Amino acid sequence: MKKLKKIHAMLYAMEHDPAIGRTKLMKFIFFVDLIHYNQRGSLLFDSAYIRMPNGPVDPVAYSLTGETNDFFTVKKSRGNKNNPATGPYDHYLFQVRVPVNTDMFSHYELALFHMVLTALKAKKATLVSSLTHQLRLWKEFRDGEEIPLDYFALTDDEIRLIESFGFFIDGFQREFCSRITTLSRDLADALHPLARERVVRVERILDDLIVHYPLPSLDIFYDAYLAWDDTFRSALRLNPAVVSSLTAECCDALCFTSYAVQSGAVGEDDLAAYCGEVEERFDTIRESLFREHPANPCEVEMMEGDLLDRTMHLSRSLALETPSGRR
């Protein structure tokens, strides 16, 4: 499935930039994975990257683009100039044979594709290669060596560097996804019901995230975020097994909305409608949880008069009332 997703991501790039060459296509796959890792904590395509002269390369994507296959045709021609690092330079031209299946991708993933392609179109392939050469994941290895996954975690300086090239990584969405994804994985494997003390510890983390929510820059998503928060807290008491899927949905929606706000790529009315749908989706999941577990004793214990619940509502009020520019 991941390989098919990778192929259709390349088809997306070919359809939206018919002149894209092999080097930029490899950079497209790499930067999508790099940014996804730094926002979501995992590679989108589960690729293994090899350090090559022009930058990190996914061997599977490189092999696929070497010759015509069932998904796209490959036309190769020899350039007139030599590349000092690799010798004579081959030009590649791709033509899709199968339309891209966008249903395979979420709103966030498609926005990520658009952002990476937009940044790459404005740059020469040599300039993009020079960017990758400034990253630790390239500088600290030799050609042919596999790059360990933990090197994909960018430093603050590296983030500022690639954002200067037109990419967008940092922000609340990065903090939220990195903290809550790891937590959710642990909770999903826990025995149900969770101990009250553990629920309290998790809700303190949720309260802290609410306090640090970036109002007003992401105000348009705030109601959807609170709907997720309510649903997540309910799942803690009713069915911890669903917290991982809840977290994945929220990370996807939050990252998409954050990019849409930052780039202006989505109209305000359309974005508001999208956020409304996300809010309704989380409310529906929460209602379903209560229908499936109508008499859960842990839920009875955590009534609205509980001190923890009061703390949660106070945190929300503080987040709403804090003036802009507080971050």
C-alpha atoms as a PDB file:
ATOM      1  CA  MET A   1       0.000   0.000   0.000  1.00  0.00           C
ATOM      2  CA  LYS A   2       2.813   2.421   0.872  1.00  0.00           C
ATOM      3  CA  LYS A   3       4.546   1.691  -2.450  1.00  0.00           C
ATOM      4  CA  LEU A   4       1.314   2.327  -4.356  1.00  0.00           C
ATOM      5  CA  LYS A   5       0.872   5.568  -2.442  1.00  0.00           C
ATOM      6  CA  LYS A   6       4.398   6.576  -3.406  1.00  0.00           C
ATOM      7  CA  ILE A   7       3.704   5.841  -7.065  1.00  0.00           C
ATOM      8  CA  HIS A   8       0.529   7.915  -7.056  1.00  0.00           C
ATOM      9  CA  ALA A   9       2.360  10.724  -5.291  1.00  0.00           C
ATOM     10  CA  MET A  10       4.821  10.737  -8.186  1.00  0.00           C
ATOM     11  CA  LEU A  11       1.913  10.689 -10.628  1.00  0.00           C
ATOM     12  CA  TYR A  12       0.518  13.725  -8.791  1.00  0.00           C
ATOM     13  CA  ALA A  13       3.838  15.530  -9.282  1.00  0.00           C
ATOM     14  CA  MET A  14       3.958  14.583 -12.969  1.00  0.00           C
ATOM     15  CA  GLU A  15       0.392  15.773 -13.578  1.00  0.00           C
ATOM     16  CA  HIS A  16       0.908  19.093 -11.797  1.00  0.00           C
ATOM     17  CA  ASP A  17       4.388  19.737 -13.206  1.00  0.00           C
ATOM     18  CA  PRO A  18       4.705  17.976 -16.609  1.00  0.00           C
ATOM     19  CA  ALA A  19       8.259  19.308 -17.009  1.00  0.00           C
ATOM     20  CA  ILE A  20       9.514  17.836 -13.733  1.00  0.00           C
ATOM     21  CA  GLY A  21      12.801  15.973 -14.131  1.00  0.00           C
ATOM     22  CA  ARG A  22      14.129  12.989 -12.253  1.00  0.00           C
ATOM     23  CA  THR A  23      16.209  14.963  -9.756  1.00  0.00           C
ATOM     24  CA  LYS A  24      13.309  17.171  -8.723  1.00  0.00           C
ATOM     25  CA  LEU A  25      11.001  14.167  -8.599  1.00  0.00           C
ATOM     26  CA  MET A  26      13.381  12.479  -6.159  1.00  0.00           C
ATOM     27  CA  LYS A  27      13.507  15.713  -4.149  1.00  0.00           C
ATOM     28  CA  PHE A  28       9.701  15.847  -4.162  1.00  0.00           C
ATOM     29  CA  ILE A  29       9.453  12.412  -2.540  1.00  0.00           C
ATOM     30  CA  PHE A  30      12.233  13.255  -0.087  1.00  0.00           C
ATOM     31  CA  PHE A  31      10.859  16.605   1.082  1.00  0.00           C
ATOM     32  CA  VAL A  32       7.336  15.225   1.447  1.00  0.00           C
ATOM     33  CA  ASP A  33       8.732  12.508   3.725  1.00  0.00           C
ATOM     34  CA  LEU A  34      11.014  14.949   5.569  1.00  0.00           C
ATOM     35  CA  ILE A  35       8.265  17.454   6.338  1.00  0.00           C
ATOM     36  CA  HIS A  36       5.762  14.722   7.199  1.00  0.00           C
ATOM     37  CA  TYR A  37       8.272  13.257   9.652  1.00  0.00           C
ATOM     38  CA  ASN A  38       8.819  16.617  11.351  1.00  0.00           C
ATOM     39  CA  GLN A  39       5.090  17.313  11.617  1.00  0.00           C
ATOM     40  CA  ARG A  40       3.640  13.868  12.164  1.00  0.00           C
ATOM     41  CA  GLY A  41       6.554  11.854  13.538  1.00  0.00           C
ATOM     42  CA  SER A  42       6.721   9.305  10.712  1.00  0.00           C
ATOM     43  CA  LEU A  43       7.605   9.066   7.027  1.00  0.00           C
ATOM     44  CA  LEU A  44       4.588   9.148   4.747  1.00  0.00           C
ATOM     45  CA  PHE A  45       6.000   6.523   2.395  1.00  0.00           C
ATOM     46  CA  ASP A  46       8.003   4.409   4.881  1.00  0.00           C
ATOM     47  CA  SER A  47      11.007   4.869   2.606  1.00  0.00           C
ATOM     48  CA  ALA A  48      14.636   4.006   3.284  1.00  0.00           C
ATOM     49  CA  TYR A  49      16.919   6.785   2.038  1.00  0.00           C
ATOM     50  CA  ILE A  50      20.419   6.391   0.645  1.00  0.00           C
ATOM     51  CA  ARG A  51      22.970   9.190   0.633  1.00  0.00           C
ATOM     52  CA  MET A  52      23.763   9.991  -3.020  1.00  0.00           C
ATOM     53  CA  PRO A  53      25.873  12.767  -4.622  1.00  0.00           C
ATOM     54  CA  ASN A  54      22.851  14.960  -5.369  1.00  0.00           C
ATOM     55  CA  GLY A  55      21.124  14.327  -2.060  1.00  0.00           C
ATOM     56  CA  PRO A  56      19.117  11.630  -0.223  1.00  0.00           C
ATOM     57  CA  VAL A  57      17.366   9.218  -2.588  1.00  0.00           C
ATOM     58  CA  ASP A  58      14.634   6.634  -2.094  1.00  0.00           C
ATOM     59  CA  PRO A  59      15.934   3.586  -4.055  1.00  0.00           C
ATOM     60  CA  VAL A  60      12.412   2.371  -4.845  1.00  0.00           C
ATOM     61  CA  ALA A  61      11.393   5.705  -6.375  1.00  0.00           C
ATOM     62  CA  TYR A  62      14.726   5.935  -8.197  1.00  0.00           C
ATOM     63  CA  SER A  63      14.306   2.486  -9.711  1.00  0.00           C
ATOM     64  CA  LEU A  64      10.720   3.170 -10.779  1.00  0.00           C
ATOM     65  CA  THR A  65      11.720   6.336 -12.638  1.00  0.00           C
ATOM     66  CA  GLY A  66      14.499   4.606 -14.559  1.00  0.00           C
ATOM     67  CA  GLU A  67      12.311   3.042 -17.233  1.00  0.00           C
ATOM     68  CA  THR A  68       8.751   2.957 -18.561  1.00  0.00           C
ATOM     69  CA  ASN A  69       6.325   0.985 -16.425  1.00  0.00           C
ATOM     70  CA  ASP A  70       2.589   0.408 -16.030  1.00  0.00           C
ATOM     71  CA  PHE A  71       2.093   3.823 -14.410  1.00  0.00           C
ATOM     72  CA  PHE A  72       4.149   6.265 -16.507  1.00  0.00           C
ATOM     73  CA  THR A  73       6.439   6.407 -19.523  1.00  0.00           C
ATOM     74  CA  VAL A  74      10.060   7.485 -19.205  1.00  0.00           C
ATOM     75  CA  LYS A  75      11.924   9.253 -22.007  1.00  0.00           C
ATOM     76  CA  LYS A  76      15.647   9.745 -21.414  1.00  0.00           C
ATOM     77  CA  SER A  77      18.058  11.930 -23.369  1.00  0.00           C
ATOM     78  CA  ARG A  78      21.713  12.843 -22.862  1.00  0.00           C
ATOM     79  CA  GLY A  79      22.456  16.441 -21.933  1.00  0.00           C
ATOM     80  CA  ASN A  80      25.186  18.560 -23.486  1.00  0.00           C
ATOM     81  CA  LYS A  81      26.913  19.461 -20.211  1.00  0.00           C
ATOM     82  CA  ASN A  82      28.651  17.300 -17.649  1.00  0.00           C
ATOM     83  CA  ASN A  83      27.870  17.313 -13.964  1.00  0.00           C
ATOM     84  CA  PRO A  84      31.241  17.528 -12.116  1.00  0.00           C
ATOM     85  CA  ALA A  85      30.007  15.066  -9.490  1.00  0.00           C
ATOM     86  CA  THR A  86      28.352  12.478 -11.711  1.00  0.00           C
ATOM     87  CA  GLY A  87      29.639  13.008 -15.247  1.00  0.00           C
ATOM     88  CA  PRO A  88      27.287  13.359 -18.266  1.00  0.00           C
ATOM     89  CA  TYR A  89      23.820  14.370 -17.170  1.00  0.00           C
ATOM     90  CA  ASP A  90      20.719  12.541 -18.412  1.00  0.00           C
ATOM     91  CA  HIS A  91      17.431  14.378 -18.889  1.00  0.00           C
ATOM     92  CA  TYR A  92      14.224  12.556 -18.003  1.00  0.00           C
ATOM     93  CA  LEU A  93      10.736  13.337 -19.211  1.00  0.00           C
ATOM     94  CA  PHE A  94       7.736  11.574 -17.713  1.00  0.00           C
ATOM     95  CA  GLN A  95       4.218  11.078 -18.999  1.00  0.00           C
ATOM     96  CA  VAL A  96       1.469   9.547 -16.890  1.00  0.00           C
ATOM     97  CA  ARG A  97      -0.254   6.425 -18.149  1.00  0.00           C
ATOM     98  CA  VAL A  98      -2.605   6.067 -15.156  1.00  0.00           C
ATOM     99  CA  PRO A  99      -4.464   9.052 -13.649  1.00  0.00           C
ATOM    100  CA  VAL A 100      -3.479   9.856 -10.088  1.00  0.00           C
ATOM    101  CA  ASN A 101      -5.908   8.499  -7.499  1.00  0.00           C
ATOM    102  CA  THR A 102      -6.288  11.436  -5.108  1.00  0.00           C
ATOM    103  CA  ASP A 103      -8.705   9.421  -2.965  1.00  0.00           C
ATOM    104  CA  MET A 104      -5.642   7.674  -1.565  1.00  0.00           C
ATOM    105  CA  PHE A 105      -4.546  10.887   0.144  1.00  0.00           C
ATOM    106  CA  SER A 106      -5.903  13.051   2.924  1.00  0.00           C
ATOM    107  CA  HIS A 107      -6.462  16.807   2.745  1.00  0.00           C
ATOM    108  CA  TYR A 108      -3.186  17.325   4.561  1.00  0.00           C
ATOM    109  CA  GLU A 109      -1.195  15.024   2.282  1.00  0.00           C
ATOM    110  CA  LEU A 110      -2.496  16.744  -0.853  1.00  0.00           C
ATOM    111  CA  ALA A 111      -1.701  20.138   0.687  1.00  0.00           C
ATOM    112  CA  LEU A 112       1.790  18.852   1.483  1.00  0.00           C
ATOM    113  CA  PHE A 113       2.260  17.762  -2.147  1.00  0.00           C
ATOM    114  CA  HIS A 114       1.120  21.171  -3.360  1.00  0.00           C
ATOM    115  CA  MET A 115       3.432  23.012  -0.981  1.00  0.00           C
ATOM    116  CA  VAL A 116       6.508  20.962  -1.916  1.00  0.00           C
ATOM    117  CA  LEU A 117       5.847  21.201  -5.653  1.00  0.00           C
ATOM    118  CA  THR A 118       5.306  24.959  -5.435  1.00  0.00           C
ATOM    119  CA  ALA A 119       8.638  25.392  -3.667  1.00  0.00           C
ATOM    120  CA  LEU A 120      10.472  23.119  -6.100  1.00  0.00           C
ATOM    121  CA  LYS A 121       9.069  24.722  -9.255  1.00  0.00           C
ATOM    122  CA  ALA A 122      10.673  28.033  -8.397  1.00  0.00           C
ATOM    123  CA  LYS A 123      14.149  26.538  -7.932  1.00  0.00           C
ATOM    124  CA  LYS A 124      16.733  24.933 -10.179  1.00  0.00           C
ATOM    125  CA  ALA A 125      17.512  21.295  -9.437  1.00  0.00           C
ATOM    126  CA  THR A 126      21.105  22.180  -8.530  1.00  0.00           C
ATOM    127  CA  LEU A 127      19.900  24.721  -5.961  1.00  0.00           C
ATOM    128  CA  VAL A 128      17.566  22.194  -4.371  1.00  0.00           C
ATOM    129  CA  SER A 129      20.403  19.670  -4.232  1.00  0.00           C
ATOM    130  CA  SER A 130      22.609  22.227  -2.508  1.00  0.00           C
ATOM    131  CA  LEU A 131      19.888  22.661   0.120  1.00  0.00           C
ATOM    132  CA  THR A 132      19.928  18.965   1.012  1.00  0.00           C
ATOM    133  CA  HIS A 133      23.729  19.132   1.240  1.00  0.00           C
ATOM    134  CA  GLN A 134      23.391  21.503   4.197  1.00  0.00           C
ATOM    135  CA  LEU A 135      21.399  19.008   6.268  1.00  0.00           C
ATOM    136  CA  ARG A 136      22.998  16.666   8.826  1.00  0.00           C
ATOM    137  CA  LEU A 137      21.316  13.674   7.215  1.00  0.00           C
ATOM    138  CA  TRP A 138      23.481  14.237   4.121  1.00  0.00           C
ATOM    139  CA  LYS A 139      26.636  15.823   5.546  1.00  0.00           C
ATOM    140  CA  GLU A 140      27.342  13.128   8.121  1.00  0.00           C
ATOM    141  CA  PHE A 141      27.216  10.147   5.749  1.00  0.00           C
ATOM    142  CA  ARG A 142      28.992   8.863   2.655  1.00  0.00           C
ATOM    143  CA  ASP A 143      27.564   8.007  -0.738  1.00  0.00           C
ATOM    144  CA  GLY A 144      25.748   4.684  -0.654  1.00  0.00           C
ATOM    145  CA  GLU A 145      25.125   4.686   3.087  1.00  0.00           C
ATOM    146  CA  GLU A 146      21.588   4.394   4.427  1.00  0.00           C
ATOM    147  CA  ILE A 147      20.453   7.408   6.451  1.00  0.00           C
ATOM    148  CA  PRO A 148      19.120   6.496   9.932  1.00  0.00           C
ATOM    149  CA  LEU A 149      15.571   7.621  10.537  1.00  0.00           C
ATOM    150  CA  ASP A 150      16.406   9.720  13.594  1.00  0.00           C
ATOM    151  CA  TYR A 151      18.459  12.054  11.381  1.00  0.00           C
ATOM    152  CA  PHE A 152      15.218  13.167   9.774  1.00  0.00           C
ATOM    153  CA  ALA A 153      14.398  15.075  12.970  1.00  0.00           C
ATOM    154  CA  LEU A 154      15.497  18.567  11.929  1.00  0.00           C
ATOM    155  CA  THR A 155      17.203  21.025  14.221  1.00  0.00           C
ATOM    156  CA  ASP A 156      15.777  24.533  14.646  1.00  0.00           C
ATOM    157  CA  ASP A 157      18.483  25.912  12.344  1.00  0.00           C
ATOM    158  CA  GLU A 158      17.663  23.307   9.689  1.00  0.00           C
ATOM    159  CA  ILE A 159      13.973  24.153   9.925  1.00  0.00           C
ATOM    160  CA  ARG A 160      14.699  27.843   9.408  1.00  0.00           C
ATOM    161  CA  LEU A 161      16.914  26.938   6.456  1.00  0.00           C
ATOM    162  CA  ILE A 162      14.366  24.895   4.556  1.00  0.00           C
ATOM    163  CA  GLU A 163      11.544  27.304   5.411  1.00  0.00           C
ATOM    164  CA  SER A 164      13.619  29.999   3.670  1.00  0.00           C
ATOM    165  CA  PHE A 165      13.219  27.882   0.523  1.00  0.00           C
ATOM    166  CA  GLY A 166       9.420  28.022   0.712  1.00  0.00           C
ATOM    167  CA  PHE A 167       8.631  24.983   2.836  1.00  0.00           C
ATOM    168  CA  PHE A 168       6.520  25.187   6.002  1.00  0.00           C
ATOM    169  CA  ILE A 169       7.133  23.007   9.039  1.00  0.00           C
ATOM    170  CA  ASP A 170       7.148  24.571  12.451  1.00  0.00           C
ATOM    171  CA  GLY A 171       4.314  25.696  14.716  1.00  0.00           C
ATOM    172  CA  PHE A 172       1.783  24.352  17.188  1.00  0.00           C
ATOM    173  CA  GLN A 173       0.931  21.450  14.903  1.00  0.00           C
ATOM    174  CA  ARG A 174       4.486  20.135  15.271  1.00  0.00           C
ATOM    175  CA  GLU A 175       4.356  20.343  19.069  1.00  0.00           C
ATOM    176  CA  PHE A 176       0.886  18.822  19.239  1.00  0.00           C
ATOM    177  CA  CYS A 177       1.537  15.891  16.912  1.00  0.00           C
ATOM    178  CA  SER A 178       4.901  15.000  18.457  1.00  0.00           C
ATOM    179  CA  ARG A 179       3.506  14.974  22.009  1.00  0.00           C
ATOM    180  CA  ILE A 180       0.114  13.412  21.490  1.00  0.00           C
ATOM    181  CA  THR A 181       1.085  10.755  18.926  1.00  0.00           C
ATOM    182  CA  THR A 182       3.583   9.078  21.242  1.00  0.00           C
ATOM    183  CA  LEU A 183       1.121   9.279  24.115  1.00  0.00           C
ATOM    184  CA  SER A 184      -1.688   7.799  22.024  1.00  0.00           C
ATOM    185  CA  ARG A 185       0.388   4.815  20.972  1.00  0.00           C
ATOM    186  CA  ASP A 186       1.006   3.955  24.599  1.00  0.00           C
ATOM    187  CA  LEU A 187      -2.648   4.386  25.519  1.00  0.00           C
ATOM    188  CA  ALA A 188      -3.885   2.241  22.654  1.00  0.00           C
ATOM    189  CA  ASP A 189      -1.973  -0.741  24.049  1.00  0.00           C
ATOM    190  CA  ALA A 190      -3.115  -0.200  27.636  1.00  0.00           C
ATOM    191  CA  LEU A 191      -5.639  -2.350  29.440  1.00  0.00           C
ATOM    192  CA  HIS A 192      -9.112  -0.892  29.829  1.00  0.00           C
ATOM    193  CA  PRO A 193     -10.272   0.758  31.999  1.00  0.00           C
ATOM    194  CA  LEU A 194      -7.310   3.042  32.636  1.00  0.00           C
ATOM    195  CA  ALA A 195      -6.395   3.801  36.230  1.00  0.00           C
ATOM    196  CA  ARG A 196      -7.772   7.127  37.436  1.00  0.00           C
ATOM    197  CA  GLU A 197      -4.248   8.398  38.140  1.00  0.00           C
ATOM    198  CA  ARG A 198      -3.224   7.754  34.543  1.00  0.00           C
ATOM    199  CA  VAL A 199      -6.290   9.534  33.198  1.00  0.00           C
ATOM    200  CA  VAL A 200      -5.399  12.528  35.365  1.00  0.00           C
ATOM    201  CA  ARG A 201      -1.831  12.603  34.013  1.00  0.00           C
ATOM    202  CA  VAL A 202      -3.029  12.468  30.413  1.00  0.00           C
ATOM    203  CA  GLU A 203      -5.615  15.188  30.952  1.00  0.00           C
ATOM    204  CA  ARG A 204      -2.940  17.459  32.366  1.00  0.00           C
ATOM    205  CA  ILE A 205      -1.124  17.132  29.044  1.00  0.00           C
ATOM    206  CA  LEU A 206      -4.359  17.912  27.185  1.00  0.00           C
ATOM    207  CA  ASP A 207      -4.942  20.956  29.402  1.00  0.00           C
ATOM    208  CA  ASP A 208      -1.432  22.203  28.682  1.00  0.00           C
ATOM    209  CA  LEU A 209      -1.959  21.844  24.938  1.00  0.00           C
ATOM    210  CA  ILE A 210      -5.185  23.841  25.167  1.00  0.00           C
ATOM    211  CA  VAL A 211      -3.425  26.619  27.062  1.00  0.00           C
ATOM    212  CA  HIS A 212      -0.732  26.764  24.363  1.00  0.00           C
ATOM    213  CA  TYR A 213      -3.153  26.618  21.432  1.00  0.00           C
ATOM    214  CA  PRO A 214      -2.135  29.460  19.051  1.00  0.00           C
ATOM    215  CA  LEU A 215      -5.105  31.797  19.181  1.00  0.00           C
ATOM    216  CA  PRO A 216      -5.900  33.846  17.151  1.00  0.00           C
ATOM    217  CA  SER A 217      -3.759  32.541  14.268  1.00  0.00           C
ATOM    218  CA  LEU A 218      -5.635  29.205  14.219  1.00  0.00           C
ATOM    219  CA  ASP A 219      -8.928  30.465  15.613  1.00  0.00           C
ATOM    220  CA  ILE A 220     -10.786  28.988  12.652  1.00  0.00           C
ATOM    221  CA  PHE A 221      -9.907  25.465  13.832  1.00  0.00           C
ATOM    222  CA  TYR A 222     -10.408  26.020  17.569  1.00  0.00           C
ATOM    223  CA  ASP A 223     -13.942  24.597  17.859  1.00  0.00           C
ATOM    224  CA  ALA A 224     -12.884  21.499  15.923  1.00  0.00           C
ATOM    225  CA  TYR A 225      -9.865  21.154  18.195  1.00  0.00           C
ATOM    226  CA  LEU A 226     -12.024  21.355  21.319  1.00  0.00           C
ATOM    227  CA  ALA A 227     -14.399  18.776  19.834  1.00  0.00           C
ATOM    228  CA  TRP A 228     -11.405  16.470  19.378  1.00  0.00           C
ATOM    229  CA  ASP A 229     -10.300  17.215  22.942  1.00  0.00           C
ATOM    230  CA  ASP A 230     -13.742  16.291  24.337  1.00  0.00           C
ATOM    231  CA  THR A 231     -13.789  13.096  22.300  1.00  0.00           C
ATOM    232  CA  PHE A 232     -10.258  12.142  23.325  1.00  0.00           C
ATOM    233  CA  ARG A 233     -11.105  12.608  27.027  1.00  0.00           C
ATOM    234  CA  SER A 234     -14.200  10.474  26.595  1.00  0.00           C
ATOM    235  CA  ALA A 235     -12.190   7.788  24.830  1.00  0.00           C
ATOM    236  CA  LEU A 236      -9.727   7.722  27.744  1.00  0.00           C
ATOM    237  CA  ARG A 237     -12.524   6.548  30.016  1.00  0.00           C
ATOM    238  CA  LEU A 238     -14.630   4.565  27.589  1.00  0.00           C
ATOM    239  CA  ASN A 239     -12.370   2.964  24.970  1.00  0.00           C
ATOM    240  CA  PRO A 240      -8.627   3.857  24.902  1.00  0.00           C
ATOM    241  CA  ALA A 241      -8.165   1.653  21.835  1.00  0.00           C
ATOM    242  CA  VAL A 242      -9.542   4.424  19.582  1.00  0.00           C
ATOM    243  CA  VAL A 243      -7.216   7.213  20.749  1.00  0.00           C
ATOM    244  CA  SER A 244      -4.606   6.486  18.056  1.00  0.00           C
ATOM    245  CA  SER A 245      -7.087   6.897  15.204  1.00  0.00           C
ATOM    246  CA  LEU A 246      -8.506  10.012  16.870  1.00  0.00           C
ATOM    247  CA  THR A 247      -5.041  11.493  17.118  1.00  0.00           C
ATOM    248  CA  ALA A 248      -4.199  10.695  13.488  1.00  0.00           C
ATOM    249  CA  GLU A 249      -7.387  12.429  12.315  1.00  0.00           C
ATOM    250  CA  CYS A 250      -6.727  15.512  14.417  1.00  0.00           C
ATOM    251  CA  CYS A 251      -3.076  15.768  13.370  1.00  0.00           C
ATOM    252  CA  ASP A 252      -4.101  15.536   9.734  1.00  0.00           C
ATOM    253  CA  ALA A 253      -6.799  18.196  10.079  1.00  0.00           C
ATOM    254  CA  LEU A 254      -4.651  20.499  12.198  1.00  0.00           C
ATOM    255  CA  CYS A 255      -1.675  20.323   9.831  1.00  0.00           C
ATOM    256  CA  PHE A 256      -3.897  20.938   6.810  1.00  0.00           C
ATOM    257  CA  THR A 257      -5.619  23.917   8.424  1.00  0.00           C
ATOM    258  CA  SER A 258      -2.333  25.376   9.633  1.00  0.00           C
ATOM    259  CA  TYR A 259      -0.853  25.188   6.132  1.00  0.00           C
ATOM    260  CA  ALA A 260      -4.041  26.556   4.556  1.00  0.00           C
ATOM    261  CA  VAL A 261      -4.002  29.557   6.894  1.00  0.00           C
ATOM    262  CA  GLN A 262      -0.287  30.166   6.405  1.00  0.00           C
ATOM    263  CA  SER A 263      -0.372  29.873   2.611  1.00  0.00           C
ATOM    264  CA  GLY A 264      -3.784  31.312   1.851  1.00  0.00           C
ATOM    265  CA  ALA A 265      -4.236  28.404  -0.569  1.00  0.00           C
ATOM    266  CA  VAL A 266      -7.810  27.727   0.608  1.00  0.00           C
ATOM    267  CA  GLY A 267     -10.603  30.309   0.665  1.00  0.00           C
ATOM    268  CA  GLU A 268     -11.829  31.363   4.103  1.00  0.00           C
ATOM    269  CA  ASP A 269     -15.373  30.103   3.530  1.00  0.00           C
ATOM    270  CA  ASP A 270     -14.164  26.734   2.239  1.00  0.00           C
ATOM    271  CA  LEU A 271     -11.763  26.401   5.144  1.00  0.00           C
ATOM    272  CA  ALA A 272     -14.481  27.278   7.650  1.00  0.00           C
ATOM    273  CA  ALA A 273     -16.734  24.634   6.090  1.00  0.00           C
ATOM    274  CA  TYR A 274     -13.938  22.067   6.311  1.00  0.00           C
ATOM    275  CA  CYS A 275     -13.324  22.867   9.992  1.00  0.00           C
ATOM    276  CA  GLY A 276     -17.051  22.562  10.646  1.00  0.00           C
ATOM    277  CA  GLU A 277     -17.074  19.101   9.096  1.00  0.00           C
ATOM    278  CA  VAL A 278     -14.120  18.062  11.254  1.00  0.00           C
ATOM    279  CA  GLU A 279     -15.873  19.311  14.389  1.00  0.00           C
ATOM    280  CA  GLU A 280     -19.029  17.400  13.470  1.00  0.00           C
ATOM    281  CA  ARG A 281     -16.973  14.283  12.794  1.00  0.00           C
ATOM    282  CA  PHE A 282     -15.436  14.319  16.292  1.00  0.00           C
ATOM    283  CA  ASP A 283     -18.804  15.048  17.910  1.00  0.00           C
ATOM    284  CA  THR A 284     -20.260  12.052  16.093  1.00  0.00           C
ATOM    285  CA  ILE A 285     -17.451   9.786  17.313  1.00  0.00           C
ATOM    286  CA  ARG A 286     -17.962  10.995  20.878  1.00  0.00           C
ATOM    287  CA  GLU A 287     -21.708  10.301  20.739  1.00  0.00           C
ATOM    288  CA  SER A 288     -20.970   6.848  19.359  1.00  0.00           C
ATOM    289  CA  LEU A 289     -18.613   6.137  22.265  1.00  0.00           C
ATOM    290  CA  PHE A 290     -21.356   6.944  24.763  1.00  0.00           C
ATOM    291  CA  ARG A 291     -23.863   4.771  22.919  1.00  0.00           C
ATOM    292  CA  GLU A 292     -21.436   1.839  22.955  1.00  0.00           C
ATOM    293  CA  HIS A 293     -20.553   2.322  26.645  1.00  0.00           C
ATOM    294  CA  PRO A 294     -23.663   3.774  28.297  1.00  0.00           C
ATOM    295  CA  ALA A 295     -22.901   2.735  31.874  1.00  0.00           C
ATOM    296  CA  ASN A 296     -19.138   2.830  32.170  1.00  0.00           C
ATOM    297  CA  PRO A 297     -18.226   3.176  35.879  1.00  0.00           C
ATOM    298  CA  CYS A 298     -15.128   5.239  35.176  1.00  0.00           C
ATOM    299  CA  GLU A 299     -17.230   7.825  33.347  1.00  0.00           C
ATOM    300  CA  VAL A 300     -19.598   8.072  36.275  1.00  0.00           C
ATOM    301  CA  GLU A 301     -16.662   8.741  38.557  1.00  0.00           C
ATOM    302  CA  MET A 302     -15.521  11.689  36.471  1.00  0.00           C
ATOM    303  CA  MET A 303     -18.574  13.915  36.846  1.00  0.00           C
ATOM    304  CA  GLU A 304     -18.708  17.590  35.894  1.00  0.00           C
ATOM    305  CA  GLY A 305     -18.221  18.646  39.503  1.00  0.00           C
ATOM    306  CA  ASP A 306     -14.853  16.939  39.611  1.00  0.00           C
ATOM    307  CA  LEU A 307     -11.911  19.268  40.247  1.00  0.00           C
ATOM    308  CA  LEU A 308     -10.107  18.003  37.149  1.00  0.00           C
ATOM    309  CA  ASP A 309     -13.048  18.860  34.940  1.00  0.00           C
ATOM    310  CA  ARG A 310     -13.206  22.345  36.419  1.00  0.00           C
ATOM    311  CA  THR A 311      -9.511  22.748  35.678  1.00  0.00           C
ATOM    312  CA  MET A 312     -10.137  21.728  32.065  1.00  0.00           C
ATOM    313  CA  HIS A 313     -12.847  24.346  31.598  1.00  0.00           C
ATOM    314  CA  LEU A 314     -10.680  27.002  33.249  1.00  0.00           C
ATOM    315  CA  SER A 315      -7.843  26.178  30.847  1.00  0.00           C
ATOM    316  CA  ARG A 316     -10.172  26.648  27.894  1.00  0.00           C
ATOM    317  CA  SER A 317     -11.387  29.976  29.222  1.00  0.00           C
ATOM    318  CA  LEU A 318      -7.823  31.198  29.691  1.00  0.00           C
ATOM    319  CA  ALA A 319      -6.931  30.129  26.165  1.00  0.00           C
ATOM    320  CA  LEU A 320      -9.885  32.036  24.726  1.00  0.00           C
ATOM    321  CA  GLU A 321      -9.275  35.165  26.783  1.00  0.00           C
ATOM    322  CA  THR A 322      -5.512  35.428  26.301  1.00  0.00           C
ATOM    323  CA  PRO A 323      -4.717  38.407  24.012  1.00  0.00           C
ATOM    324  CA  SER A 324      -3.141  37.880  20.595  1.00  0.00           C
ATOM    325  CA  GLY A 325       0.622  37.821  20.280  1.00  0.00           C
ATOM    326  CA  ARG A 326       1.149  35.868  23.486  1.00  0.00           C
ATOM    327  CA  ARG A 327       3.415  33.363  21.722  1.00  0.00           C
END
